[in-house]
Protein backbone atom coordinates (compact mmCIF):
# COMPACT_ATOMS: atom_id res chain seq x y z
CA MET A 1 71.65 113.34 41.53
CA ARG A 2 74.68 114.28 39.81
CA THR A 3 75.07 113.79 35.80
CA ARG A 4 78.33 113.22 34.24
CA ILE A 5 78.53 113.56 30.32
CA LEU A 6 80.74 111.71 28.36
CA GLY A 7 81.76 112.95 25.21
CA ILE A 8 83.30 110.44 22.94
CA ASP A 9 85.04 110.95 19.91
CA LEU A 10 84.77 107.63 17.89
CA ALA A 11 87.52 106.02 15.67
CA VAL A 12 87.09 103.39 12.93
CA ARG A 13 90.83 101.84 13.35
CA ALA A 14 92.37 103.76 16.67
CA THR A 15 91.17 103.95 19.45
CA HIS A 16 88.19 106.08 20.98
CA LYS A 17 89.04 108.82 23.08
CA ALA A 18 86.11 110.25 25.90
CA ALA A 19 86.34 113.28 28.10
CA ILE A 20 83.91 113.45 31.13
CA LEU A 21 82.35 116.40 32.32
CA ASP A 22 80.54 117.35 35.80
CA LYS A 23 77.23 118.99 34.65
CA GLU A 24 77.10 120.62 38.41
CA SER A 25 80.75 121.91 38.39
CA ASN A 26 81.52 122.58 34.30
CA GLU A 27 84.47 121.17 34.68
CA PHE A 28 86.20 118.06 33.47
CA VAL A 29 87.19 115.03 35.62
CA GLY A 30 90.47 114.32 34.97
CA SER A 31 92.47 113.73 31.32
CA PRO A 32 90.83 112.27 27.92
CA ILE A 33 90.59 108.79 28.33
CA SER A 34 91.65 105.88 25.34
CA PHE A 35 89.43 103.03 25.03
CA GLY A 36 88.82 100.23 22.28
CA THR A 37 85.87 98.06 21.69
CA ASN A 38 85.82 95.78 24.13
CA PRO A 39 83.34 95.35 27.42
CA ALA A 40 86.46 95.53 30.12
CA GLU A 41 87.96 98.98 28.65
CA ILE A 42 84.50 100.57 28.34
CA ASP A 43 83.25 99.43 31.67
CA LYS A 44 86.83 101.17 32.96
CA LEU A 45 85.38 104.38 31.71
CA LEU A 46 82.25 104.02 32.66
CA GLU A 47 83.48 103.24 36.08
CA ALA A 48 85.87 106.54 35.97
CA ALA A 49 82.77 108.81 34.80
CA ARG A 50 80.52 107.16 38.11
CA GLY A 51 83.44 107.83 40.44
CA GLY A 52 82.98 104.79 42.00
CA SER A 53 79.21 105.16 42.87
CA GLU A 54 76.45 103.15 41.01
CA GLY A 55 73.32 104.65 42.20
CA ASP A 56 73.42 108.74 42.48
CA VAL A 57 74.95 109.61 39.04
CA GLU A 58 73.09 109.94 36.13
CA LEU A 59 75.08 109.07 32.69
CA VAL A 60 75.05 110.92 29.43
CA ALA A 61 76.99 110.01 26.55
CA VAL A 62 77.51 112.38 23.19
CA LEU A 63 78.72 110.49 20.33
CA GLU A 64 79.73 111.63 16.87
CA ALA A 65 78.19 109.42 13.83
CA THR A 66 81.40 107.83 12.88
CA GLY A 67 80.96 104.68 10.20
CA ILE A 68 79.17 101.98 12.46
CA ALA A 69 81.31 102.25 15.59
CA TRP A 70 78.12 104.47 17.07
CA TYR A 71 76.16 101.76 17.19
CA THR A 72 78.44 99.23 18.80
CA ILE A 73 79.32 101.87 21.36
CA GLY A 74 75.79 103.37 22.33
CA SER A 75 74.08 99.88 22.03
CA TYR A 76 76.61 99.10 24.78
CA LEU A 77 76.20 101.97 26.85
CA VAL A 78 72.11 102.01 26.69
CA GLN A 79 72.51 98.54 27.95
CA HIS A 80 74.63 100.17 30.86
CA GLY A 81 71.86 103.03 31.68
CA ALA A 82 73.53 105.60 29.94
CA LYS A 83 71.05 108.15 27.95
CA VAL A 84 73.15 108.14 24.45
CA TYR A 85 72.82 111.04 22.20
CA ARG A 86 74.16 111.26 18.29
CA VAL A 87 75.20 114.15 16.48
CA ASN A 88 76.57 114.98 12.87
CA GLY A 89 80.15 115.34 12.52
CA GLN A 90 79.33 118.81 10.86
CA GLU A 91 77.50 119.95 14.43
CA THR A 92 81.01 118.63 15.56
CA ALA A 93 83.59 120.69 13.47
CA ALA A 94 81.20 124.14 13.84
CA GLN A 95 81.37 123.93 17.51
CA ARG A 96 85.06 122.98 17.55
CA LYS A 97 85.80 126.58 15.59
CA VAL A 98 83.89 128.00 18.60
CA TYR A 99 85.82 126.15 21.56
CA GLN A 100 89.60 125.86 20.03
CA ARG A 101 89.19 127.62 16.60
CA ARG A 102 93.23 126.91 15.43
CA ALA A 103 93.43 122.98 16.43
CA LYS A 104 91.97 119.71 15.88
CA SER A 105 92.94 116.33 17.75
CA ASP A 106 90.28 113.92 19.30
CA ARG A 107 91.08 114.75 22.80
CA ILE A 108 89.41 118.43 21.84
CA ASP A 109 86.71 117.09 19.70
CA ALA A 110 85.65 114.48 23.02
CA ARG A 111 85.93 117.99 25.17
CA VAL A 112 83.19 119.73 22.10
CA LEU A 113 81.56 116.90 22.32
CA ALA A 114 80.61 116.73 25.74
CA ARG A 115 80.21 120.79 25.87
CA MET A 116 77.72 120.35 23.71
CA TYR A 117 75.06 118.54 26.10
CA LEU A 118 75.58 122.16 28.02
CA THR A 119 75.35 124.45 24.96
CA ILE A 120 72.91 123.70 22.41
CA PRO A 121 70.76 120.78 24.50
CA GLU A 122 67.62 121.23 21.98
CA ARG A 123 69.83 120.17 19.04
CA LEU A 124 70.29 116.94 20.44
CA ARG A 125 68.27 113.90 19.93
CA PRO A 126 68.75 110.80 21.67
CA VAL A 127 69.84 107.60 19.75
CA TYR A 128 67.90 105.26 18.09
CA LEU A 129 69.02 101.77 17.76
CA PRO A 130 67.35 99.94 15.35
CA ASP A 131 66.49 96.42 16.42
CA ALA A 132 67.90 93.42 14.21
CA ASP A 133 65.15 93.57 11.97
CA HIS A 134 65.58 96.81 11.22
CA LEU A 135 69.13 96.76 11.05
CA SER A 136 69.50 93.39 8.74
CA LEU A 137 66.71 95.28 6.27
CA GLN A 138 68.92 98.43 6.27
CA ARG A 139 71.71 96.46 5.25
CA ALA A 140 70.05 94.45 2.31
CA CYS A 141 68.52 97.60 0.91
CA ARG A 142 72.05 99.13 0.62
CA GLU A 143 73.93 96.13 -0.56
CA LEU A 144 70.73 95.55 -3.36
CA THR A 145 71.60 99.70 -4.10
CA ARG A 146 75.29 98.41 -4.21
CA LEU A 147 74.22 95.58 -6.73
CA ALA A 148 72.40 97.37 -9.03
CA GLN A 149 75.15 100.31 -9.48
CA LEU A 150 77.37 97.64 -10.36
CA ARG A 151 74.83 96.27 -12.76
CA ILE A 152 74.46 99.31 -14.05
CA ALA A 153 78.31 100.06 -14.60
CA LEU A 154 78.54 96.54 -16.25
CA LYS A 155 76.36 97.95 -18.83
CA ASN A 156 77.54 101.16 -19.51
CA ARG A 157 81.27 99.22 -20.13
CA MET A 158 79.61 96.32 -22.41
CA THR A 159 78.06 99.42 -24.22
CA ALA A 160 81.42 101.00 -24.69
CA THR A 161 82.93 97.76 -25.63
CA ASP A 162 79.95 97.63 -28.46
CA THR A 163 80.42 101.02 -29.46
CA LEU A 164 84.33 100.62 -29.90
CA ALA A 165 83.94 97.38 -32.06
CA TRP A 166 80.89 98.00 -33.47
CA LEU A 167 80.55 101.76 -33.78
CA GLY A 168 77.52 102.11 -32.09
CA ASP A 169 75.22 101.15 -29.21
CA SER A 170 73.92 97.66 -30.18
CA LYS A 171 70.29 98.47 -29.19
CA ASN A 172 70.46 100.26 -32.82
CA TRP A 173 70.41 96.81 -34.52
CA LEU A 174 69.49 93.96 -31.74
CA ASP A 175 65.71 92.80 -30.68
CA GLY A 176 65.94 91.68 -27.67
CA ALA A 177 67.81 89.17 -24.95
CA GLU A 178 67.94 86.25 -27.12
CA SER A 179 69.38 88.46 -30.07
CA THR A 180 71.93 90.03 -27.97
CA LEU A 181 73.08 86.78 -26.20
CA TRP A 182 73.28 85.10 -29.58
CA TRP A 183 75.12 87.77 -31.79
CA CYS A 184 77.54 88.29 -28.78
CA SER A 185 78.46 84.49 -28.53
CA HIS A 186 78.66 83.75 -32.56
CA TRP A 187 78.39 86.22 -34.46
CA TYR A 188 80.14 89.48 -32.68
CA ASN A 189 82.93 89.35 -35.52
CA PRO A 190 81.97 92.02 -38.35
CA TRP A 191 84.16 90.52 -40.64
CA LYS A 192 82.39 86.80 -40.21
CA VAL A 193 79.07 88.60 -40.33
CA VAL A 194 80.00 90.08 -44.12
CA ALA A 195 82.09 86.98 -44.74
CA PHE A 196 78.72 84.44 -44.45
CA GLY A 197 76.21 87.26 -45.79
CA LEU A 198 72.77 88.24 -44.42
CA ALA A 199 70.87 84.36 -45.85
CA HIS A 200 73.34 82.16 -43.95
CA LEU A 201 72.41 84.36 -40.65
CA GLN A 202 68.70 83.94 -41.02
CA THR A 203 69.29 80.17 -42.10
CA GLN A 204 70.92 79.99 -38.29
CA TRP A 205 68.81 82.22 -36.56
CA GLN A 206 65.56 80.21 -37.63
CA LYS A 207 67.33 77.20 -36.69
CA ASP A 208 68.33 78.30 -33.12
CA PHE A 209 64.95 80.27 -32.70
CA PRO A 210 62.13 79.07 -34.82
CA ASP A 211 59.44 81.32 -33.01
CA HIS A 212 61.16 84.65 -33.54
CA GLU A 213 61.60 86.97 -36.19
CA SER A 214 64.52 87.45 -38.03
CA GLY A 215 64.01 91.39 -39.66
CA TRP A 216 66.40 92.60 -37.06
CA LEU A 217 69.34 90.33 -38.70
CA GLU A 218 69.24 93.12 -42.12
CA ALA A 219 70.17 96.12 -39.40
CA LEU A 220 73.00 93.53 -37.98
CA PHE A 221 74.27 92.89 -41.81
CA GLU A 222 74.26 96.86 -42.67
CA GLN A 223 76.33 97.61 -39.75
CA ALA A 224 79.11 94.87 -39.93
CA ASN A 225 79.46 96.28 -43.52
CA LEU A 226 79.55 99.64 -42.20
CA VAL A 227 82.73 98.38 -39.35
CA VAL A 228 84.40 96.29 -42.62
CA LYS A 229 84.49 99.59 -44.18
CA PHE A 230 84.95 102.41 -41.15
CA TYR A 231 88.35 99.93 -40.11
CA GLY A 232 89.34 98.53 -43.43
CA GLN A 233 91.44 96.20 -41.49
CA LYS A 234 91.48 93.39 -38.91
CA ASP A 235 94.74 94.52 -37.15
CA TRP A 236 93.12 97.37 -35.50
CA LEU A 237 90.88 95.32 -33.10
CA ASP A 238 91.16 91.83 -31.67
CA TYR A 239 87.01 90.31 -31.79
CA GLU A 240 88.13 87.19 -30.43
CA HIS A 241 89.24 88.66 -27.64
CA ILE A 242 86.79 91.55 -27.29
CA GLN A 243 83.97 88.80 -27.70
CA ALA A 244 85.67 86.70 -24.68
CA GLY A 245 85.42 89.76 -22.82
CA GLN A 246 81.72 90.68 -23.46
CA GLU A 247 81.03 86.90 -22.47
CA ARG A 248 82.78 87.54 -19.50
CA GLU A 249 81.03 90.31 -18.84
CA GLN A 250 77.75 88.79 -19.30
CA ALA A 251 78.50 86.24 -17.23
CA ARG A 252 78.90 88.74 -14.68
CA LEU A 253 75.75 90.67 -15.58
CA ASP A 254 73.44 87.37 -15.36
CA GLU A 255 75.17 86.68 -11.98
CA ILE A 256 74.37 90.12 -10.78
CA GLN A 257 70.76 90.32 -11.87
CA THR A 258 70.48 86.39 -9.71
CA GLN A 259 71.70 87.92 -6.77
CA ILE A 260 69.41 91.31 -6.84
CA HIS A 261 66.57 88.03 -7.82
CA GLN A 262 67.31 86.10 -4.41
CA LEU A 263 68.12 89.28 -1.78
CA ARG A 264 64.52 90.38 -3.24
CA LYS A 265 62.90 87.61 -2.82
CA GLU A 266 64.50 86.01 0.46
CA VAL A 267 65.59 88.91 2.36
CA ILE A 268 64.23 92.45 1.54
CA HIS A 269 60.34 91.49 1.07
CA PRO A 270 60.21 89.03 3.82
CA LEU A 271 61.57 91.64 6.54
CA TYR A 272 59.54 94.47 5.38
CA THR A 273 56.45 92.42 5.18
CA LYS A 274 56.99 91.34 8.61
CA LEU A 275 57.96 95.06 9.98
CA HIS A 276 54.90 96.50 8.17
CA PRO A 277 52.40 94.23 7.34
CA SER A 278 49.50 96.57 6.26
CA ARG A 279 51.89 97.88 3.61
CA CYS A 280 49.66 100.81 3.78
CA LEU A 281 53.16 103.17 2.09
CA GLU A 282 52.47 101.09 -0.99
CA THR A 283 48.94 102.93 -1.33
CA LEU A 284 50.86 106.26 -1.81
CA TYR A 285 51.78 106.32 -5.67
CA GLY A 286 55.19 106.56 -6.81
CA ILE A 287 56.09 103.61 -3.84
CA GLY A 288 56.31 100.88 -4.41
CA GLU A 289 57.19 97.33 -2.59
CA ASP A 290 61.28 98.45 -2.67
CA SER A 291 61.13 101.80 -2.03
CA ALA A 292 58.60 101.16 0.66
CA ALA A 293 61.14 98.96 2.31
CA ILE A 294 63.77 101.63 2.23
CA TYR A 295 61.51 103.89 4.10
CA ILE A 296 60.61 101.36 7.07
CA ALA A 297 64.40 100.38 7.50
CA PHE A 298 65.71 103.59 8.21
CA ILE A 299 63.01 105.26 9.46
CA GLY A 300 62.02 102.53 11.97
CA ASP A 301 59.82 104.02 14.95
CA ILE A 302 57.63 106.90 13.49
CA ARG A 303 56.90 107.94 17.17
CA ARG A 304 60.41 108.95 17.32
CA PHE A 305 59.59 112.38 15.25
CA PRO A 306 57.41 114.46 17.17
CA THR A 307 56.07 116.34 14.35
CA PRO A 308 56.22 116.34 10.58
CA ALA A 309 58.94 118.99 10.63
CA HIS A 310 61.04 117.09 13.10
CA PHE A 311 60.65 114.08 10.07
CA ARG A 312 61.56 116.67 7.13
CA SER A 313 64.37 117.81 8.92
CA TRP A 314 65.73 114.31 9.78
CA CYS A 315 65.47 113.41 5.97
CA GLY A 316 67.51 116.69 5.11
CA LEU A 317 64.94 117.66 2.31
CA ILE A 318 64.50 121.14 3.65
CA PRO A 319 66.89 124.10 2.78
CA TYR A 320 68.87 125.78 4.63
CA SER A 321 67.46 129.49 6.39
CA SER A 322 69.84 132.73 6.70
CA GLN A 323 67.55 135.97 8.40
CA SER A 324 68.78 138.86 9.83
CA GLY A 325 66.80 142.04 10.35
CA TYR A 326 63.90 142.63 7.36
CA GLY A 327 65.93 140.14 5.25
CA GLU A 328 66.08 136.39 4.38
CA ALA A 329 67.99 134.79 2.09
CA LYS A 330 65.97 133.08 -0.79
CA GLY A 331 67.00 129.60 -3.05
CA LEU A 332 69.34 127.92 -0.39
CA LYS A 333 70.63 124.66 -1.07
CA ILE A 334 69.05 121.74 0.99
CA THR A 335 70.79 120.56 4.22
CA GLN A 336 71.21 116.85 2.60
CA ALA A 337 70.60 115.30 6.54
CA GLY A 338 69.63 111.85 6.60
CA PRO A 339 70.82 108.51 4.95
CA ASN A 340 71.34 109.69 1.38
CA LEU A 341 69.76 105.89 0.03
CA LEU A 342 66.54 107.00 1.82
CA LYS A 343 67.07 111.01 0.11
CA LYS A 344 67.73 109.14 -3.25
CA THR A 345 64.31 106.74 -2.98
CA ILE A 346 62.32 110.00 -2.00
CA PHE A 347 63.46 111.93 -4.78
CA ILE A 348 62.63 109.54 -7.22
CA ASP A 349 59.24 108.23 -6.01
CA THR A 350 58.57 112.27 -6.08
CA GLU A 351 58.90 112.06 -9.87
CA VAL A 352 56.40 109.38 -10.19
CA ALA A 353 54.02 110.96 -7.41
CA ARG A 354 54.14 114.31 -9.17
CA GLN A 355 52.34 112.55 -12.28
CA TYR A 356 49.39 111.17 -10.24
CA ASP A 357 48.42 113.51 -6.65
CA PRO A 358 47.20 116.93 -7.88
CA ASP A 359 48.67 118.17 -4.73
CA ILE A 360 52.12 117.34 -5.63
CA ALA A 361 51.83 117.98 -9.01
CA ALA A 362 50.60 121.77 -8.07
CA CYS A 363 53.36 121.75 -5.92
CA TYR A 364 55.74 121.30 -8.79
CA TYR A 365 54.01 123.66 -11.11
CA ASP A 366 54.01 126.63 -8.51
CA GLN A 367 57.85 125.97 -8.20
CA ILE A 368 58.54 125.97 -11.95
CA VAL A 369 55.88 128.20 -13.67
CA ASN A 370 55.34 131.01 -10.55
CA LYS A 371 58.71 130.87 -8.69
CA GLY A 372 61.07 130.01 -11.42
CA LYS A 373 62.58 126.86 -9.62
CA HIS A 374 64.49 124.31 -11.77
CA HIS A 375 63.30 120.92 -12.24
CA PHE A 376 65.29 119.41 -9.27
CA GLN A 377 64.57 122.39 -6.85
CA ALA A 378 60.61 121.64 -7.49
CA VAL A 379 60.89 117.99 -6.75
CA CYS A 380 62.97 118.48 -3.82
CA ALA A 381 60.03 121.07 -2.44
CA SER A 382 57.58 118.57 -3.69
CA ALA A 383 59.36 116.03 -2.24
CA THR A 384 58.23 117.23 1.22
CA HIS A 385 54.77 116.82 0.80
CA LEU A 386 55.29 113.41 0.20
CA LEU A 387 56.99 112.98 2.98
CA ASN A 388 54.41 114.49 5.18
CA ARG A 389 52.37 111.84 3.69
CA ILE A 390 54.56 109.24 4.86
CA TYR A 391 54.82 110.36 8.07
CA ALA A 392 50.72 110.38 8.54
CA ILE A 393 50.42 107.13 6.97
CA LEU A 394 53.05 105.38 9.63
CA ARG A 395 51.68 106.95 12.47
CA ASP A 396 48.14 106.52 12.17
CA GLN A 397 48.80 103.20 9.76
CA ARG A 398 45.93 103.65 6.93
CA SER A 399 45.56 103.68 3.54
CA TYR A 400 46.52 106.80 1.35
CA GLN A 401 43.42 107.90 -0.79
CA LEU A 402 43.22 110.59 -3.33
CA ARG A 403 41.27 113.47 -2.76
CA ASP A 404 40.13 116.72 -4.08
CA LYS A 405 40.37 120.18 -2.92
CA ASP A 406 36.82 119.39 -1.32
CA GLY A 407 37.83 116.27 0.10
CA ASN A 408 36.13 114.18 -1.91
CA PRO A 409 37.59 110.61 -2.95
CA LEU A 410 39.15 111.02 -6.90
CA ASP A 411 39.54 108.20 -9.21
CA LYS A 412 43.47 107.39 -9.90
CA ASP A 413 42.42 107.86 -14.02
CA VAL A 414 41.09 111.42 -13.00
CA ALA A 415 43.51 112.61 -10.66
CA ARG A 416 46.08 111.48 -14.13
CA LYS A 417 44.19 113.66 -15.91
CA LEU A 418 44.11 116.58 -13.84
CA CYS A 419 47.69 116.29 -13.32
CA GLN A 420 48.84 116.09 -17.11
CA ASP A 421 45.44 119.23 -18.24
CA LYS A 422 46.01 121.74 -15.20
CA TYR A 423 49.64 121.02 -13.99
CA HIS A 424 51.09 120.61 -17.01
CA VAL A 425 54.62 122.53 -17.59
CA PRO A 426 55.17 123.83 -20.94
CA GLU A 427 58.46 123.18 -22.58
CA ASP A 428 59.15 126.66 -22.93
CA VAL A 429 58.97 127.41 -19.29
CA ARG A 430 61.14 124.66 -18.74
CA ARG A 431 63.73 125.66 -21.11
CA ARG A 432 63.97 129.16 -19.60
CA ASN A 433 64.76 127.65 -16.20
CA ASN A 434 67.40 125.14 -17.29
CA ALA A 435 71.07 125.13 -16.18
CA ARG A 436 72.41 127.57 -19.29
CA VAL A 437 69.77 130.02 -19.62
CA ARG A 438 70.14 130.64 -15.45
CA LYS A 439 73.85 130.89 -16.00
CA GLU A 440 73.00 133.33 -18.76
CA ARG A 441 71.07 135.41 -16.34
CA LYS A 442 73.49 135.64 -13.76
CA GLU A 443 76.41 136.42 -16.15
CA LEU A 444 73.86 139.28 -17.45
CA ARG A 445 73.37 140.73 -14.49
CA THR A 446 77.10 140.44 -12.86
CA GLU A 447 77.89 142.39 -16.21
CA GLN A 448 75.17 145.14 -15.48
CA ARG A 449 76.19 145.53 -12.32
CA PHE A 450 79.97 146.37 -13.17
CA GLN A 451 78.70 148.79 -15.87
CA ARG A 452 76.68 150.63 -13.48
CA LEU A 453 79.59 150.87 -11.03
CA SER A 454 82.28 151.85 -14.11
CA LYS A 455 79.59 154.77 -14.44
CA LYS A 456 79.96 155.96 -10.82
CA SER A 457 83.49 155.52 -10.66
CA SER A 458 83.77 157.79 -13.71
CA LYS A 459 81.25 160.28 -12.64
CA GLY A 460 83.12 160.77 -8.96
């Protein structure tokens, strides 16, 4: 049986380019073919690849991960009997430098992708096409993240406006959500606050909220006097327009909060429960329902990773390696492969897990105290331990149990105390490894090296 390899350079808006490589002769069949995302043109490509025969040709397609186009083209090719592989754009760029160093085009990329099946087959993995539920959960998790980022941006904008209009963060003189809305809706103008006086403010507050304390109004009144004294004249700021703007921002914030609540309740949590009914992931300390939904959405079938090392490599929280002879570079940056949302989630969850899981806490402690790493490096190193636990739980479908070094079950409170007492990182050690100190050490080593070279040159 002959094997024909399709190297497909995907495009977002333009037409895709495909090069057909015959494995046995190691030669390309015809010129690269342009095609769009429609069945008729893809069928013509498949017919050209098979050369008119259906049964004695094995089709292999190598795609570059471009937007979501890989899913549409990949799913169609899988339906029509092709083996599909997806590669990272960085790997394609690296191979292109070998194939054609001083030129880049869609045609060249298509040929490079086809050659990769022969030159680096061990680096290619079959494409994973999530089913409808997993894909829906992925999209919902991404939407939730975008809404959360938008919520943070709105809060930051409102805080910046408060700093302009009231010379500081409103949290310093307000007391809860009710006081924030009441102040923003009725008493955002400091001149109005000073004109009516503290007693009138307290009367109005007790009238609107009889069950709430009014002590916070004293801080509000003091801040209003400070603003009036600072600006002196009303002409500097138009508080009516600023207040109207803050009310609009608050309305947007409330709408986003509602959307986040509905998205969690109506989409994410039902899909997550359907795809992971045992909810074993939530037995890991640091992983809640939202985090577990992200892992289930992006990991999909854990069996597609033959070993925990493959899983960690896919997640992208392992460092690059550089070894030659007896030398091996240390402290290299992480590869950052895999979905960004998953990397962000595992980092945040590790921050919590290291406070309850003694093994992860021990790894974090060793990285900072013994190996001189800073906080982010230590968390990334500890995250690989949490990834191993996630892999084992999804593979075996069992709950997680904290245990000591002898294998005995460990109570949550005992484990928490052990992490605090035995694996607490002293503050002086943290300061020793922070960014400023490491930069000073690097500059000092550079200066000392320059001085040594200067002495050698003067002696020579």
